[in-house]
Structure formats: C-alpha cells, structure tokens
C-alpha cells in the first residue's frame, strides 16, 4: 500500500467517525413532574396515564394526547400538563435534526412517592 492509499483510508475513517458523531438519540433535558390533583389526593386515589406525543425539531412536545388512564379522567389533565412541559435535545441523524413521532410515556400517580417525578431540570 503506497502513501496515497494510506492517506485515503485515513481520510475515509475520519469522515465516517465525523458522520457517526453527528448522530444522537432523543434526550430528555428538562420539564416538570405531574402535580397531584388535590381532589384525588384527598380521596386517596392513585393512577396511571399513558400519553402519546411527538417531539418537534426544537425539542418541544407536540400533539400530546391521552391513550389510556386508570381511573379514567381523574389524572388526565395533570399528566398532559407534565408531559407538555418536557423539553428534549431532539434526535439527530447524520447531523440533521429530526422530529420524533409516536412516543409513548406512562405517568404514574402514587401517594407513597415511589413513582413520583419531581423535576427533569
């Protein structure tokens, strides 16, 4: 192998490493935890809400909607508000920022605090 071939191989390796380093998965960087609804807390109710949402190129949650909840309707608004406050470093593929679609998160409301979300800051 002569020096020009070796140089070409080295340049190709650097280019591939550079392209790979410009990719990253979606990363949660901030947001609020859900606020326990006062009425549910007073009644001792616990529950879960599944939220479907997208993250746009700016890292903001869009199109959030409740997929399922138990008990139905009790914690929906609190879960939607929490998920809508989340902020992300958007996904990047080959240096290009991409939106993330059809994400699913479960927000748990537990009085013992085990599954509580305090903050993502």
C-alpha atoms as a PDB file:
ATOM      1  CA  UNK A   1       0.000   0.000   0.000  1.00  0.00           C
ATOM      2  CA  UNK A   2       1.502   3.320  -1.021  1.00  0.00           C
ATOM      3  CA  UNK A   3       1.225   6.583   0.901  1.00  0.00           C
ATOM      4  CA  UNK A   4      -1.684   7.955  -1.192  1.00  0.00           C
ATOM      5  CA  UNK A   5      -3.777   4.842  -0.490  1.00  0.00           C
ATOM      6  CA  UNK A   6      -2.968   5.062   3.206  1.00  0.00           C
ATOM      7  CA  UNK A   7      -3.909   8.745   3.245  1.00  0.00           C
ATOM      8  CA  UNK A   8      -7.202   7.963   1.509  1.00  0.00           C
ATOM      9  CA  UNK A   9      -8.017   5.276   4.094  1.00  0.00           C
ATOM     10  CA  UNK A  10      -7.235   7.661   6.968  1.00  0.00           C
ATOM     11  CA  UNK A  11      -9.404  10.438   5.457  1.00  0.00           C
ATOM     12  CA  UNK A  12     -12.299   7.991   4.935  1.00  0.00           C
ATOM     13  CA  UNK A  13     -12.045   6.814   8.549  1.00  0.00           C
ATOM     14  CA  UNK A  14     -12.140  10.408   9.825  1.00  0.00           C
ATOM     15  CA  UNK A  15     -15.168  11.158   7.652  1.00  0.00           C
ATOM     16  CA  UNK A  16     -17.019   8.103   8.946  1.00  0.00           C
ATOM     17  CA  UNK A  17     -16.188   8.976  12.563  1.00  0.00           C
ATOM     18  CA  UNK A  18     -17.310  12.554  11.972  1.00  0.00           C
ATOM     19  CA  UNK A  19     -20.651  11.437  10.498  1.00  0.00           C
ATOM     20  CA  UNK A  20     -21.245   8.988  13.340  1.00  0.00           C
ATOM     21  CA  UNK A  21     -20.568  11.645  15.960  1.00  0.00           C
ATOM     22  CA  UNK A  22     -23.242  13.868  14.410  1.00  0.00           C
ATOM     23  CA  UNK A  23     -25.957  11.393  15.361  1.00  0.00           C
ATOM     24  CA  UNK A  24     -27.631  11.217  18.760  1.00  0.00           C
ATOM     25  CA  UNK A  25     -30.820   9.792  20.204  1.00  0.00           C
ATOM     26  CA  UNK A  26     -33.621  11.883  21.654  1.00  0.00           C
ATOM     27  CA  UNK A  27     -32.574  13.144  25.125  1.00  0.00           C
ATOM     28  CA  UNK A  28     -34.858  14.481  27.849  1.00  0.00           C
ATOM     29  CA  UNK A  29     -33.279  17.638  29.304  1.00  0.00           C
ATOM     30  CA  UNK A  30     -35.975  19.318  31.385  1.00  0.00           C
ATOM     31  CA  UNK A  31     -39.566  19.661  32.435  1.00  0.00           C
ATOM     32  CA  UNK A  32     -41.904  19.370  35.359  1.00  0.00           C
ATOM     33  CA  UNK A  33     -43.307  16.389  37.140  1.00  0.00           C
ATOM     34  CA  UNK A  34     -47.083  15.973  37.364  1.00  0.00           C
ATOM     35  CA  UNK A  35     -48.996  17.868  40.022  1.00  0.00           C
ATOM     36  CA  UNK A  36     -51.188  15.502  42.031  1.00  0.00           C
ATOM     37  CA  UNK A  37     -54.816  16.667  41.727  1.00  0.00           C
ATOM     38  CA  UNK A  38     -55.962  17.822  45.184  1.00  0.00           C
ATOM     39  CA  UNK A  39     -59.307  16.011  44.995  1.00  0.00           C
ATOM     40  CA  UNK A  40     -57.663  12.725  44.056  1.00  0.00           C
ATOM     41  CA  UNK A  41     -55.119  13.102  46.834  1.00  0.00           C
ATOM     42  CA  UNK A  42     -57.808  13.785  49.433  1.00  0.00           C
ATOM     43  CA  UNK A  43     -59.678  10.663  48.316  1.00  0.00           C
ATOM     44  CA  UNK A  44     -56.516   8.556  48.385  1.00  0.00           C
ATOM     45  CA  UNK A  45     -56.715   7.787  44.662  1.00  0.00           C
ATOM     46  CA  UNK A  46     -53.704   6.564  42.703  1.00  0.00           C
ATOM     47  CA  UNK A  47     -53.497   6.029  38.979  1.00  0.00           C
ATOM     48  CA  UNK A  48     -51.664   5.821  35.684  1.00  0.00           C
ATOM     49  CA  UNK A  49     -51.978   7.702  32.401  1.00  0.00           C
ATOM     50  CA  UNK A  50     -50.480   6.663  29.067  1.00  0.00           C
ATOM     51  CA  UNK A  51     -49.635   9.658  26.880  1.00  0.00           C
ATOM     52  CA  UNK A  52     -48.815   9.526  23.163  1.00  0.00           C
ATOM     53  CA  UNK A  53     -46.870  12.517  21.783  1.00  0.00           C
ATOM     54  CA  UNK A  54     -44.363  13.787  19.245  1.00  0.00           C
ATOM     55  CA  UNK A  55     -41.212  15.863  19.782  1.00  0.00           C
ATOM     56  CA  UNK A  56     -40.546  18.518  17.150  1.00  0.00           C
ATOM     57  CA  UNK A  57     -37.183  19.691  15.778  1.00  0.00           C
ATOM     58  CA  UNK A  58     -36.942  22.295  18.566  1.00  0.00           C
ATOM     59  CA  UNK A  59     -37.264  19.619  21.252  1.00  0.00           C
ATOM     60  CA  UNK A  60     -40.779  20.591  22.309  1.00  0.00           C
ATOM     61  CA  UNK A  61     -43.611  18.148  22.942  1.00  0.00           C
ATOM     62  CA  UNK A  62     -46.463  18.478  20.431  1.00  0.00           C
ATOM     63  CA  UNK A  63     -49.667  16.559  19.739  1.00  0.00           C
ATOM     64  CA  UNK A  64     -49.878  15.105  23.258  1.00  0.00           C
ATOM     65  CA  UNK A  65     -52.973  13.010  23.880  1.00  0.00           C
ATOM     66  CA  UNK A  66     -54.197  10.501  26.431  1.00  0.00           C
ATOM     67  CA  UNK A  67     -54.175   6.922  25.166  1.00  0.00           C
ATOM     68  CA  UNK A  68     -55.495   5.319  28.355  1.00  0.00           C
ATOM     69  CA  UNK A  69     -55.914   6.159  32.004  1.00  0.00           C
ATOM     70  CA  UNK A  70     -56.908   4.483  35.212  1.00  0.00           C
ATOM     71  CA  UNK A  71     -59.077   5.636  36.808  1.00  0.00           C
ATOM     72  CA  UNK A  72     -60.435   7.228  33.655  1.00  0.00           C
ATOM     73  CA  UNK A  73     -60.291  11.013  33.520  1.00  0.00           C
ATOM     74  CA  UNK A  74     -59.008  11.617  37.054  1.00  0.00           C
ATOM     75  CA  UNK A  75     -55.335  12.277  36.258  1.00  0.00           C
ATOM     76  CA  UNK A  76     -55.519  13.019  32.512  1.00  0.00           C
ATOM     77  CA  UNK A  77     -55.077  16.802  32.660  1.00  0.00           C
ATOM     78  CA  UNK A  78     -52.219  16.662  35.183  1.00  0.00           C
ATOM     79  CA  UNK A  79     -50.395  14.066  33.070  1.00  0.00           C
ATOM     80  CA  UNK A  80     -50.892  16.075  29.856  1.00  0.00           C
ATOM     81  CA  UNK A  81     -49.583  19.237  31.519  1.00  0.00           C
ATOM     82  CA  UNK A  82     -46.494  17.437  32.807  1.00  0.00           C
ATOM     83  CA  UNK A  83     -45.622  15.763  29.501  1.00  0.00           C
ATOM     84  CA  UNK A  84     -46.251  19.003  27.594  1.00  0.00           C
ATOM     85  CA  UNK A  85     -43.670  20.747  29.812  1.00  0.00           C
ATOM     86  CA  UNK A  86     -40.905  18.277  28.946  1.00  0.00           C
ATOM     87  CA  UNK A  87     -38.030  19.552  26.795  1.00  0.00           C
ATOM     88  CA  UNK A  88     -35.645  17.426  24.765  1.00  0.00           C
ATOM     89  CA  UNK A  89     -32.464  17.614  22.769  1.00  0.00           C
ATOM     90  CA  UNK A  90     -34.020  16.439  19.524  1.00  0.00           C
ATOM     91  CA  UNK A  91     -32.820  13.344  17.713  1.00  0.00           C
ATOM     92  CA  UNK A  92     -30.033  13.934  15.216  1.00  0.00           C
ATOM     93  CA  UNK A  93     -29.184  11.618  12.325  1.00  0.00           C
ATOM     94  CA  UNK A  94     -26.045  12.380  10.322  1.00  0.00           C
ATOM     95  CA  UNK A  95     -26.038  15.933  11.626  1.00  0.00           C
ATOM     96  CA  UNK A  96     -29.676  16.547  10.645  1.00  0.00           C
ATOM     97  CA  UNK A  97     -32.172  17.303  13.414  1.00  0.00           C
ATOM     98  CA  UNK A  98     -35.243  15.078  13.172  1.00  0.00           C
ATOM     99  CA  UNK A  99     -38.613  15.083  14.863  1.00  0.00           C
ATOM    100  CA  UNK A 100     -39.582  12.034  16.892  1.00  0.00           C
ATOM    101  CA  UNK A 101     -43.080  10.719  16.331  1.00  0.00           C
ATOM    102  CA  UNK A 102     -45.451   8.447  18.194  1.00  0.00           C
ATOM    103  CA  UNK A 103     -43.666   8.369  21.548  1.00  0.00           C
ATOM    104  CA  UNK A 104     -45.422   6.769  24.500  1.00  0.00           C
ATOM    105  CA  UNK A 105     -44.870   7.549  28.187  1.00  0.00           C
ATOM    106  CA  UNK A 106     -46.663   6.373  31.303  1.00  0.00           C
ATOM    107  CA  UNK A 107     -47.174   8.922  34.070  1.00  0.00           C
ATOM    108  CA  UNK A 108     -47.747   7.292  37.445  1.00  0.00           C
ATOM    109  CA  UNK A 109     -49.565   8.958  40.359  1.00  0.00           C
ATOM    110  CA  UNK A 110     -48.627   7.263  43.615  1.00  0.00           C
ATOM    111  CA  UNK A 111     -49.281   8.548  47.128  1.00  0.00           C
ATOM    112  CA  UNK A 112     -46.261   6.775  48.615  1.00  0.00           C
ATOM    113  CA  UNK A 113     -43.959   8.809  46.364  1.00  0.00           C
ATOM    114  CA  UNK A 114     -42.108   5.831  44.864  1.00  0.00           C
ATOM    115  CA  UNK A 115     -43.021   6.669  41.292  1.00  0.00           C
ATOM    116  CA  UNK A 116     -43.114  10.434  41.672  1.00  0.00           C
ATOM    117  CA  UNK A 117     -41.499  12.732  39.102  1.00  0.00           C
ATOM    118  CA  UNK A 118     -40.005  15.741  40.870  1.00  0.00           C
ATOM    119  CA  UNK A 119     -38.308  17.564  38.027  1.00  0.00           C
ATOM    120  CA  UNK A 120     -36.189  16.893  34.984  1.00  0.00           C
ATOM    121  CA  UNK A 121     -34.069  20.028  35.366  1.00  0.00           C
END
